[in-house]
C-alpha cells in the first residue's frame, strides 16, 4: 500500500476546510443549542470543550482524504489523540499557567496543531497490517466517548471549567 501519497494542494485545501469547519463548530451550539449540537460544538470556553473543534474536523478530513484507500486512515487515527493531548497541554500552559486570553494566540495554536496533525499523518508509510493498527481506532473511539461523556457530565476540574466565566489564572500558593 504505497498509494498513500497526498498532493500538497489536496492537503492544504482539506486543512483549510478543516479549520473553517472548526470555526463554524465553535459557534454551532450558540446558534442551535441542543444535546446533539453539544456533542460536536463547544458549549463553553473550557479547554476540554475546545477539543471538539480539533477532533471532529480532523476526523472528517481524515475520512475525506482516505476514501478509497483501505487502511489509509490508520495513521490519522494514531495522530488524532496525540493532537488532542498537545492542544490540551499547550492550552493549559497558555491559559492556566500564563493567564493568556488573546484570541489570536488561540487561533494560531489551533491552526498550528491542526497543521502538525496533517503533516504527521503523512509521515507514515504503509502497509498497515495487523491487530496493532486497531489500537488507534480504539483510542479515537475512546476519545470520542470521553468527549461525549464529559459534555453531558463535566467534572468539577479546572480542565472543564468555563475560563471565560472564571478567568484563567491559577491561584498562586502563599
N, C-alpha and C. Protein backbone atom coordinates (compact mmCIF):
# COMPACT_ATOMS: atom_id res chain seq x y z
N UNK A 1 0.84 -1.18 0.00
CA UNK A 1 0.00 0.00 0.00
C UNK A 1 0.89 1.23 0.00
N UNK A 2 1.41 1.57 -1.13
CA UNK A 2 2.28 2.73 -1.26
C UNK A 2 1.53 3.92 -1.84
N UNK A 3 0.22 3.79 -2.05
CA UNK A 3 -0.53 4.86 -2.69
C UNK A 3 -1.13 5.82 -1.66
N UNK A 4 -0.43 6.06 -0.55
CA UNK A 4 -0.92 6.99 0.46
C UNK A 4 -0.31 8.37 0.27
N UNK A 5 0.09 8.66 -0.93
CA UNK A 5 0.61 9.98 -1.23
C UNK A 5 -0.56 10.94 -1.39
N UNK A 6 -0.42 12.09 -0.78
CA UNK A 6 -1.44 13.14 -0.89
C UNK A 6 -0.78 14.33 -1.58
N UNK A 7 -1.46 14.93 -2.53
CA UNK A 7 -0.89 16.11 -3.17
C UNK A 7 -0.91 17.27 -2.17
N UNK A 8 0.04 18.18 -2.34
CA UNK A 8 0.10 19.35 -1.45
C UNK A 8 -1.19 20.16 -1.55
N UNK A 9 -1.69 20.29 -2.75
CA UNK A 9 -2.93 21.05 -2.96
C UNK A 9 -4.08 20.41 -2.20
N UNK A 10 -4.19 19.10 -2.30
CA UNK A 10 -5.25 18.36 -1.61
C UNK A 10 -5.13 18.53 -0.09
N UNK A 11 -3.93 18.42 0.43
CA UNK A 11 -3.72 18.58 1.87
C UNK A 11 -4.03 19.99 2.35
N UNK A 12 -3.55 20.98 1.61
CA UNK A 12 -3.77 22.38 2.02
C UNK A 12 -5.25 22.73 1.96
N UNK A 13 -5.93 22.34 0.89
CA UNK A 13 -7.36 22.63 0.79
C UNK A 13 -8.16 21.93 1.89
N UNK A 14 -7.80 20.71 2.18
CA UNK A 14 -8.50 19.97 3.24
C UNK A 14 -8.19 20.56 4.60
N UNK A 15 -6.95 21.00 4.82
CA UNK A 15 -6.57 21.65 6.07
C UNK A 15 -7.37 22.94 6.26
N UNK A 16 -7.46 23.75 5.22
CA UNK A 16 -8.24 24.99 5.29
C UNK A 16 -9.71 24.69 5.56
N UNK A 17 -10.24 23.67 4.89
CA UNK A 17 -11.64 23.28 5.11
C UNK A 17 -11.85 22.80 6.55
N UNK A 18 -10.89 22.05 7.08
CA UNK A 18 -10.99 21.57 8.47
C UNK A 18 -10.93 22.75 9.44
N UNK A 19 -10.07 23.71 9.18
CA UNK A 19 -10.02 24.91 10.03
C UNK A 19 -11.34 25.67 9.99
N UNK A 20 -11.89 25.81 8.80
CA UNK A 20 -13.17 26.52 8.66
C UNK A 20 -14.30 25.75 9.35
N UNK A 21 -14.29 24.43 9.23
CA UNK A 21 -15.30 23.62 9.91
C UNK A 21 -15.19 23.78 11.42
N UNK A 22 -13.96 23.80 11.93
CA UNK A 22 -13.75 24.02 13.36
C UNK A 22 -14.26 25.38 13.81
N UNK A 23 -14.03 26.40 12.99
CA UNK A 23 -14.52 27.74 13.32
C UNK A 23 -16.05 27.76 13.36
N UNK A 24 -16.67 27.10 12.41
CA UNK A 24 -18.14 27.02 12.42
C UNK A 24 -18.65 26.21 13.60
N UNK A 25 -17.96 25.11 13.91
CA UNK A 25 -18.37 24.31 15.06
C UNK A 25 -18.28 25.09 16.36
N UNK A 26 -17.34 26.02 16.42
CA UNK A 26 -17.18 26.81 17.64
C UNK A 26 -18.48 27.54 18.00
N UNK A 27 -19.23 27.95 16.99
CA UNK A 27 -20.44 28.74 17.23
C UNK A 27 -21.73 27.94 17.07
N UNK A 28 -21.64 26.71 16.63
CA UNK A 28 -22.84 25.92 16.35
C UNK A 28 -23.76 25.82 17.56
N UNK A 29 -23.24 25.51 18.71
CA UNK A 29 -24.09 25.35 19.90
C UNK A 29 -24.78 26.68 20.27
N UNK A 30 -24.08 27.78 20.10
CA UNK A 30 -24.68 29.09 20.39
C UNK A 30 -25.83 29.39 19.43
N UNK A 31 -25.68 28.97 18.17
CA UNK A 31 -26.72 29.21 17.18
C UNK A 31 -27.90 28.26 17.32
N UNK A 32 -27.60 27.03 17.72
CA UNK A 32 -28.63 25.99 17.77
C UNK A 32 -28.39 25.10 18.99
N UNK A 33 -28.72 25.59 20.18
CA UNK A 33 -28.41 24.84 21.41
C UNK A 33 -29.32 23.62 21.62
N UNK A 34 -28.73 22.46 21.58
CA UNK A 34 -29.43 21.22 21.91
C UNK A 34 -28.38 20.14 22.19
N UNK A 35 -28.83 19.00 22.64
CA UNK A 35 -27.90 17.94 23.02
C UNK A 35 -27.06 17.46 21.86
N UNK A 36 -27.64 17.34 20.69
CA UNK A 36 -26.89 16.86 19.53
C UNK A 36 -25.76 17.82 19.15
N UNK A 37 -26.07 19.11 19.07
CA UNK A 37 -25.01 20.05 18.70
C UNK A 37 -23.98 20.18 19.83
N UNK A 38 -24.38 19.93 21.06
CA UNK A 38 -23.44 19.98 22.18
C UNK A 38 -22.36 18.91 22.06
N UNK A 39 -22.66 17.80 21.41
CA UNK A 39 -21.68 16.73 21.22
C UNK A 39 -20.59 17.11 20.22
N UNK A 40 -20.88 18.06 19.34
CA UNK A 40 -19.94 18.43 18.28
C UNK A 40 -19.38 19.83 18.43
N UNK A 41 -19.99 20.65 19.26
CA UNK A 41 -19.62 22.05 19.38
C UNK A 41 -19.33 22.40 20.83
N UNK A 42 -18.35 23.26 21.10
CA UNK A 42 -18.09 23.66 22.49
C UNK A 42 -19.32 24.34 23.09
N UNK A 43 -19.66 23.92 24.31
CA UNK A 43 -20.81 24.54 24.99
C UNK A 43 -20.35 25.64 25.94
N UNK A 44 -19.05 25.72 26.17
CA UNK A 44 -18.49 26.82 26.95
C UNK A 44 -17.03 26.99 26.53
N UNK A 45 -16.33 27.86 27.23
CA UNK A 45 -14.95 28.18 26.86
C UNK A 45 -13.92 27.39 27.66
N UNK A 46 -14.24 26.15 28.00
CA UNK A 46 -13.27 25.32 28.72
C UNK A 46 -12.26 24.74 27.74
N UNK A 47 -11.11 24.36 28.27
CA UNK A 47 -10.10 23.74 27.41
C UNK A 47 -10.62 22.44 26.82
N UNK A 48 -11.28 21.63 27.64
CA UNK A 48 -11.78 20.34 27.18
C UNK A 48 -12.79 20.50 26.05
N UNK A 49 -13.71 21.43 26.20
CA UNK A 49 -14.74 21.62 25.18
C UNK A 49 -14.15 22.01 23.83
N UNK A 50 -13.01 22.69 23.86
CA UNK A 50 -12.41 23.12 22.60
C UNK A 50 -11.69 22.00 21.86
N UNK A 51 -11.61 20.81 22.46
CA UNK A 51 -11.10 19.66 21.71
C UNK A 51 -12.02 19.34 20.53
N UNK A 52 -13.30 19.66 20.70
CA UNK A 52 -14.28 19.33 19.65
C UNK A 52 -13.97 20.02 18.33
N UNK A 53 -13.44 21.24 18.39
CA UNK A 53 -13.16 21.96 17.14
C UNK A 53 -11.90 21.42 16.45
N UNK A 54 -11.13 20.61 17.16
CA UNK A 54 -10.00 19.91 16.56
C UNK A 54 -10.40 18.49 16.17
N UNK A 55 -11.02 17.79 17.08
CA UNK A 55 -11.33 16.37 16.91
C UNK A 55 -12.23 16.10 15.70
N UNK A 56 -13.39 16.71 15.67
CA UNK A 56 -14.37 16.39 14.61
C UNK A 56 -13.91 16.84 13.22
N UNK A 57 -13.41 18.06 13.04
CA UNK A 57 -12.93 18.43 11.69
C UNK A 57 -11.73 17.60 11.22
N UNK A 58 -10.82 17.28 12.14
CA UNK A 58 -9.66 16.46 11.76
C UNK A 58 -10.11 15.06 11.37
N UNK A 59 -11.03 14.50 12.14
CA UNK A 59 -11.55 13.18 11.81
C UNK A 59 -12.28 13.20 10.47
N UNK A 60 -13.06 14.22 10.23
CA UNK A 60 -13.74 14.36 8.93
C UNK A 60 -12.75 14.49 7.79
N UNK A 61 -11.70 15.28 7.99
CA UNK A 61 -10.67 15.44 6.96
C UNK A 61 -9.96 14.12 6.70
N UNK A 62 -9.70 13.37 7.76
CA UNK A 62 -9.05 12.07 7.60
C UNK A 62 -9.89 11.13 6.76
N UNK A 63 -11.19 11.09 7.04
CA UNK A 63 -12.08 10.24 6.24
C UNK A 63 -12.15 10.73 4.79
N UNK A 64 -12.22 12.03 4.61
CA UNK A 64 -12.29 12.59 3.26
C UNK A 64 -11.03 12.29 2.45
N UNK A 65 -9.88 12.49 3.05
CA UNK A 65 -8.61 12.26 2.34
C UNK A 65 -8.34 10.79 2.05
N UNK A 66 -8.95 9.90 2.83
CA UNK A 66 -8.62 8.48 2.70
C UNK A 66 -9.75 7.64 2.12
N UNK A 67 -10.73 8.28 1.53
CA UNK A 67 -11.78 7.49 0.88
C UNK A 67 -11.15 6.75 -0.30
N UNK A 68 -11.47 5.48 -0.36
CA UNK A 68 -10.89 4.64 -1.42
C UNK A 68 -9.47 4.18 -1.13
N UNK A 69 -8.98 4.40 0.05
CA UNK A 69 -7.63 3.98 0.43
C UNK A 69 -7.73 3.09 1.66
N UNK A 70 -7.95 1.80 1.47
CA UNK A 70 -8.10 0.91 2.63
C UNK A 70 -6.88 0.99 3.57
N UNK A 71 -7.15 1.22 4.82
CA UNK A 71 -6.07 1.33 5.80
C UNK A 71 -5.40 2.68 5.84
N UNK A 72 -5.72 3.56 4.92
CA UNK A 72 -5.07 4.86 4.86
C UNK A 72 -5.39 5.76 6.02
N UNK A 73 -6.52 5.53 6.68
CA UNK A 73 -6.92 6.39 7.79
C UNK A 73 -6.17 6.04 9.08
N UNK A 74 -5.54 4.90 9.12
CA UNK A 74 -4.91 4.44 10.36
C UNK A 74 -3.88 5.42 10.91
N UNK A 75 -2.98 5.97 10.11
CA UNK A 75 -2.03 6.96 10.68
C UNK A 75 -2.74 8.20 11.22
N UNK A 76 -3.82 8.60 10.56
CA UNK A 76 -4.57 9.78 11.00
C UNK A 76 -5.21 9.51 12.37
N UNK A 77 -5.71 8.29 12.55
CA UNK A 77 -6.31 7.92 13.83
C UNK A 77 -5.26 7.78 14.92
N UNK A 78 -4.05 7.45 14.55
CA UNK A 78 -2.95 7.39 15.51
C UNK A 78 -2.57 8.79 15.97
N UNK A 79 -2.56 9.72 15.05
CA UNK A 79 -2.14 11.09 15.35
C UNK A 79 -3.21 11.86 16.12
N UNK A 80 -4.49 11.60 15.87
CA UNK A 80 -5.57 12.40 16.45
C UNK A 80 -5.54 12.49 17.98
N UNK A 81 -5.45 11.39 18.72
CA UNK A 81 -5.37 11.54 20.19
C UNK A 81 -4.13 12.30 20.65
N UNK A 82 -3.03 12.16 19.92
CA UNK A 82 -1.82 12.90 20.26
C UNK A 82 -2.03 14.40 20.07
N UNK A 83 -2.71 14.77 19.00
CA UNK A 83 -3.02 16.19 18.76
C UNK A 83 -3.90 16.76 19.86
N UNK A 84 -4.89 15.97 20.27
CA UNK A 84 -5.78 16.44 21.33
C UNK A 84 -5.01 16.64 22.63
N UNK A 85 -4.10 15.72 22.94
CA UNK A 85 -3.27 15.87 24.14
C UNK A 85 -2.38 17.10 24.03
N UNK A 86 -1.81 17.33 22.84
CA UNK A 86 -0.97 18.50 22.62
C UNK A 86 -1.79 19.78 22.79
N UNK A 87 -2.99 19.82 22.22
CA UNK A 87 -3.82 21.01 22.32
C UNK A 87 -4.20 21.29 23.78
N UNK A 88 -4.51 20.24 24.52
CA UNK A 88 -4.82 20.44 25.94
C UNK A 88 -3.59 20.95 26.69
N UNK A 89 -2.43 20.37 26.40
CA UNK A 89 -1.21 20.78 27.09
C UNK A 89 -0.83 22.22 26.79
N UNK A 90 -0.84 22.58 25.52
CA UNK A 90 -0.49 23.95 25.14
C UNK A 90 -1.54 24.92 25.67
N UNK A 91 -2.81 24.55 25.58
CA UNK A 91 -3.88 25.39 26.12
C UNK A 91 -3.75 25.59 27.61
N UNK A 92 -3.37 24.54 28.33
CA UNK A 92 -3.18 24.63 29.78
C UNK A 92 -2.05 25.62 30.10
N UNK A 93 -0.93 25.46 29.41
CA UNK A 93 0.20 26.35 29.67
C UNK A 93 -0.19 27.80 29.35
N UNK A 94 -0.80 28.03 28.21
CA UNK A 94 -1.13 29.40 27.80
C UNK A 94 -2.22 30.01 28.69
N UNK A 95 -3.32 29.30 28.85
CA UNK A 95 -4.46 29.88 29.57
C UNK A 95 -4.34 29.77 31.09
N UNK A 96 -3.96 28.61 31.59
CA UNK A 96 -3.96 28.39 33.03
C UNK A 96 -2.66 28.88 33.67
N UNK A 97 -1.54 28.43 33.14
CA UNK A 97 -0.26 28.80 33.75
C UNK A 97 0.12 30.26 33.49
N UNK A 98 -0.06 30.72 32.25
CA UNK A 98 0.35 32.08 31.89
C UNK A 98 -0.79 33.09 31.93
N UNK A 99 -2.03 32.61 32.02
CA UNK A 99 -3.18 33.51 32.08
C UNK A 99 -3.49 34.20 30.77
N UNK A 100 -3.06 33.62 29.67
CA UNK A 100 -3.29 34.23 28.36
C UNK A 100 -4.75 34.26 27.96
N UNK A 101 -5.14 35.35 27.32
CA UNK A 101 -6.53 35.49 26.89
C UNK A 101 -6.65 36.06 25.47
N UNK A 102 -5.55 36.14 24.73
CA UNK A 102 -5.59 36.71 23.38
C UNK A 102 -6.18 35.70 22.40
N UNK A 103 -7.20 36.11 21.69
CA UNK A 103 -7.87 35.23 20.74
C UNK A 103 -6.94 34.85 19.60
N UNK A 104 -6.09 35.78 19.16
CA UNK A 104 -5.20 35.47 18.04
C UNK A 104 -4.23 34.35 18.41
N UNK A 105 -3.84 34.25 19.68
CA UNK A 105 -2.95 33.17 20.10
C UNK A 105 -3.71 31.85 20.05
N UNK A 106 -4.96 31.85 20.49
CA UNK A 106 -5.79 30.65 20.40
C UNK A 106 -5.92 30.18 18.96
N UNK A 107 -6.16 31.12 18.06
CA UNK A 107 -6.30 30.77 16.64
C UNK A 107 -4.99 30.23 16.07
N UNK A 108 -3.88 30.83 16.47
CA UNK A 108 -2.58 30.35 16.00
C UNK A 108 -2.29 28.95 16.53
N UNK A 109 -2.57 28.72 17.80
CA UNK A 109 -2.37 27.38 18.38
C UNK A 109 -3.21 26.37 17.63
N UNK A 110 -4.47 26.70 17.40
CA UNK A 110 -5.39 25.80 16.69
C UNK A 110 -4.88 25.48 15.29
N UNK A 111 -4.51 26.50 14.54
CA UNK A 111 -4.04 26.29 13.16
C UNK A 111 -2.74 25.49 13.14
N UNK A 112 -1.83 25.78 14.05
CA UNK A 112 -0.55 25.07 14.07
C UNK A 112 -0.70 23.61 14.51
N UNK A 113 -1.54 23.36 15.50
CA UNK A 113 -1.76 21.98 15.92
C UNK A 113 -2.43 21.19 14.80
N UNK A 114 -3.40 21.80 14.13
CA UNK A 114 -4.06 21.12 13.02
C UNK A 114 -3.06 20.85 11.89
N UNK A 115 -2.21 21.83 11.58
CA UNK A 115 -1.19 21.64 10.54
C UNK A 115 -0.21 20.54 10.91
N UNK A 116 0.19 20.51 12.18
CA UNK A 116 1.07 19.45 12.65
C UNK A 116 0.42 18.08 12.46
N UNK A 117 -0.87 17.99 12.72
CA UNK A 117 -1.59 16.73 12.53
C UNK A 117 -1.60 16.28 11.08
N UNK A 118 -1.80 17.21 10.17
CA UNK A 118 -1.79 16.86 8.75
C UNK A 118 -0.39 16.42 8.34
N UNK A 119 0.62 17.10 8.84
CA UNK A 119 1.99 16.74 8.48
C UNK A 119 2.38 15.38 9.07
N UNK A 120 2.11 15.18 10.35
CA UNK A 120 2.49 13.92 11.00
C UNK A 120 1.84 12.70 10.35
N UNK A 121 0.57 12.82 10.04
CA UNK A 121 -0.15 11.69 9.46
C UNK A 121 0.43 11.29 8.10
N UNK A 122 1.01 12.22 7.40
CA UNK A 122 1.57 11.90 6.08
C UNK A 122 3.01 11.38 6.17
N UNK A 123 3.58 11.36 7.34
CA UNK A 123 4.94 10.85 7.51
C UNK A 123 4.98 9.33 7.58
N UNK A 124 3.87 8.69 7.78
CA UNK A 124 3.81 7.24 7.86
C UNK A 124 3.73 6.67 6.46
N UNK A 125 4.28 5.48 6.29
CA UNK A 125 4.11 4.79 5.02
C UNK A 125 3.61 3.38 5.30
N UNK A 126 2.83 2.84 4.38
CA UNK A 126 2.22 1.53 4.57
C UNK A 126 3.20 0.42 4.30
N UNK A 127 2.79 -0.79 4.37
CA UNK A 127 1.42 -1.22 4.70
C UNK A 127 1.17 -1.19 6.21
N UNK A 128 -0.10 -1.23 6.57
CA UNK A 128 -0.51 -1.14 7.97
C UNK A 128 -1.30 -2.39 8.35
N UNK A 129 -0.66 -3.56 8.37
CA UNK A 129 -1.39 -4.78 8.71
C UNK A 129 -1.38 -5.03 10.21
N UNK A 130 -2.19 -5.99 10.61
CA UNK A 130 -2.13 -6.50 11.97
C UNK A 130 -3.07 -5.83 12.95
N UNK A 131 -3.17 -6.47 14.09
CA UNK A 131 -4.08 -6.04 15.14
C UNK A 131 -3.62 -4.74 15.79
N UNK A 132 -2.31 -4.49 15.82
CA UNK A 132 -1.81 -3.28 16.48
C UNK A 132 -2.40 -2.01 15.85
N UNK A 133 -2.82 -2.09 14.60
CA UNK A 133 -3.40 -0.92 13.95
C UNK A 133 -4.88 -0.76 14.28
N UNK A 134 -5.41 -1.68 15.08
CA UNK A 134 -6.75 -1.50 15.61
C UNK A 134 -6.71 -0.53 16.80
N UNK A 135 -5.57 -0.45 17.46
CA UNK A 135 -5.43 0.41 18.64
C UNK A 135 -5.70 1.88 18.36
N UNK A 136 -5.20 2.47 17.27
CA UNK A 136 -5.54 3.88 17.01
C UNK A 136 -7.04 4.10 16.84
N UNK A 137 -7.72 3.17 16.19
CA UNK A 137 -9.17 3.30 16.03
C UNK A 137 -9.86 3.21 17.38
N UNK A 138 -9.40 2.30 18.23
CA UNK A 138 -9.98 2.18 19.57
C UNK A 138 -9.69 3.42 20.41
N UNK A 139 -8.49 3.96 20.30
CA UNK A 139 -8.14 5.18 21.02
C UNK A 139 -8.99 6.36 20.59
N UNK A 140 -9.21 6.48 19.28
CA UNK A 140 -10.04 7.56 18.76
C UNK A 140 -11.49 7.39 19.20
N UNK A 141 -11.98 6.15 19.17
CA UNK A 141 -13.35 5.89 19.63
C UNK A 141 -13.48 6.18 21.13
N UNK A 142 -12.47 5.82 21.90
CA UNK A 142 -12.49 6.11 23.34
C UNK A 142 -12.49 7.62 23.59
N UNK A 143 -11.70 8.35 22.82
CA UNK A 143 -11.66 9.80 22.96
C UNK A 143 -13.01 10.42 22.59
N UNK A 144 -13.63 9.92 21.53
CA UNK A 144 -14.97 10.40 21.16
C UNK A 144 -15.96 10.12 22.30
N UNK A 145 -15.85 8.96 22.91
CA UNK A 145 -16.71 8.63 24.05
C UNK A 145 -16.48 9.56 25.23
N UNK A 146 -15.21 9.88 25.51
CA UNK A 146 -14.90 10.81 26.59
C UNK A 146 -15.42 12.22 26.30
N UNK A 147 -15.31 12.63 25.05
CA UNK A 147 -15.84 13.94 24.66
C UNK A 147 -17.33 13.98 24.92
N UNK A 148 -18.04 12.93 24.51
CA UNK A 148 -19.49 12.88 24.73
C UNK A 148 -19.82 12.82 26.23
N UNK A 149 -19.13 11.97 26.97
CA UNK A 149 -19.42 11.81 28.40
C UNK A 149 -19.19 13.11 29.16
N UNK A 150 -18.04 13.75 28.91
CA UNK A 150 -17.72 14.96 29.65
C UNK A 150 -18.50 16.17 29.16
N UNK A 151 -19.12 16.08 27.99
CA UNK A 151 -20.04 17.11 27.57
C UNK A 151 -21.31 17.03 28.40
N UNK A 152 -21.79 15.83 28.58
CA UNK A 152 -23.03 15.62 29.32
C UNK A 152 -22.84 15.67 30.83
N UNK A 153 -21.69 15.20 31.30
CA UNK A 153 -21.41 15.12 32.74
C UNK A 153 -20.01 15.65 33.05
N UNK A 154 -19.81 16.97 32.93
CA UNK A 154 -18.46 17.50 33.18
C UNK A 154 -18.09 17.47 34.66
N UNK A 155 -16.89 17.01 34.97
CA UNK A 155 -16.45 17.02 36.37
C UNK A 155 -16.08 18.44 36.82
N UNK A 156 -15.96 18.61 38.10
CA UNK A 156 -15.59 19.91 38.67
C UNK A 156 -14.07 20.05 38.73
N UNK A 157 -13.45 20.06 37.58
CA UNK A 157 -12.00 20.22 37.49
C UNK A 157 -11.69 21.42 36.61
N UNK A 158 -10.52 21.99 36.78
CA UNK A 158 -10.14 23.19 36.05
C UNK A 158 -10.15 22.97 34.53
N UNK A 159 -9.81 21.79 34.10
CA UNK A 159 -9.79 21.48 32.67
C UNK A 159 -11.17 21.64 32.03
N UNK A 160 -12.22 21.47 32.81
CA UNK A 160 -13.59 21.52 32.31
C UNK A 160 -14.31 22.81 32.67
N UNK A 161 -13.64 23.70 33.35
CA UNK A 161 -14.25 24.95 33.81
C UNK A 161 -14.28 25.98 32.68
N UNK A 162 -15.37 26.72 32.63
CA UNK A 162 -15.54 27.78 31.64
C UNK A 162 -14.58 28.92 31.99
N UNK A 163 -13.50 29.05 31.23
CA UNK A 163 -12.48 30.05 31.54
C UNK A 163 -12.95 31.47 31.28
N UNK A 164 -13.92 31.64 30.41
CA UNK A 164 -14.45 32.97 30.15
C UNK A 164 -15.21 33.49 31.37
N UNK A 165 -15.81 32.59 32.13
CA UNK A 165 -16.62 32.99 33.28
C UNK A 165 -15.78 33.18 34.54
N UNK A 166 -14.69 32.41 34.68
CA UNK A 166 -13.95 32.44 35.94
C UNK A 166 -12.53 33.00 35.81
N UNK A 167 -12.08 33.31 34.64
CA UNK A 167 -10.70 33.75 34.47
C UNK A 167 -9.79 32.52 34.35
N UNK A 168 -8.58 32.76 33.92
CA UNK A 168 -7.74 31.61 33.61
C UNK A 168 -6.48 31.50 34.47
N UNK A 169 -6.27 32.39 35.41
CA UNK A 169 -5.06 32.29 36.23
C UNK A 169 -5.23 31.24 37.31
N UNK A 170 -4.19 30.46 37.52
CA UNK A 170 -4.15 29.55 38.66
C UNK A 170 -3.86 30.38 39.91
N UNK A 171 -4.50 30.07 41.02
CA UNK A 171 -4.16 30.78 42.24
C UNK A 171 -2.72 30.46 42.67
N UNK A 172 -2.00 31.49 43.03
CA UNK A 172 -0.61 31.29 43.45
C UNK A 172 -0.56 30.81 44.89
N UNK A 173 0.30 29.81 45.18
CA UNK A 173 0.41 29.36 46.57
C UNK A 173 1.05 30.44 47.44
N UNK A 174 0.59 30.58 48.65
CA UNK A 174 1.12 31.60 49.56
C UNK A 174 2.35 31.12 50.27
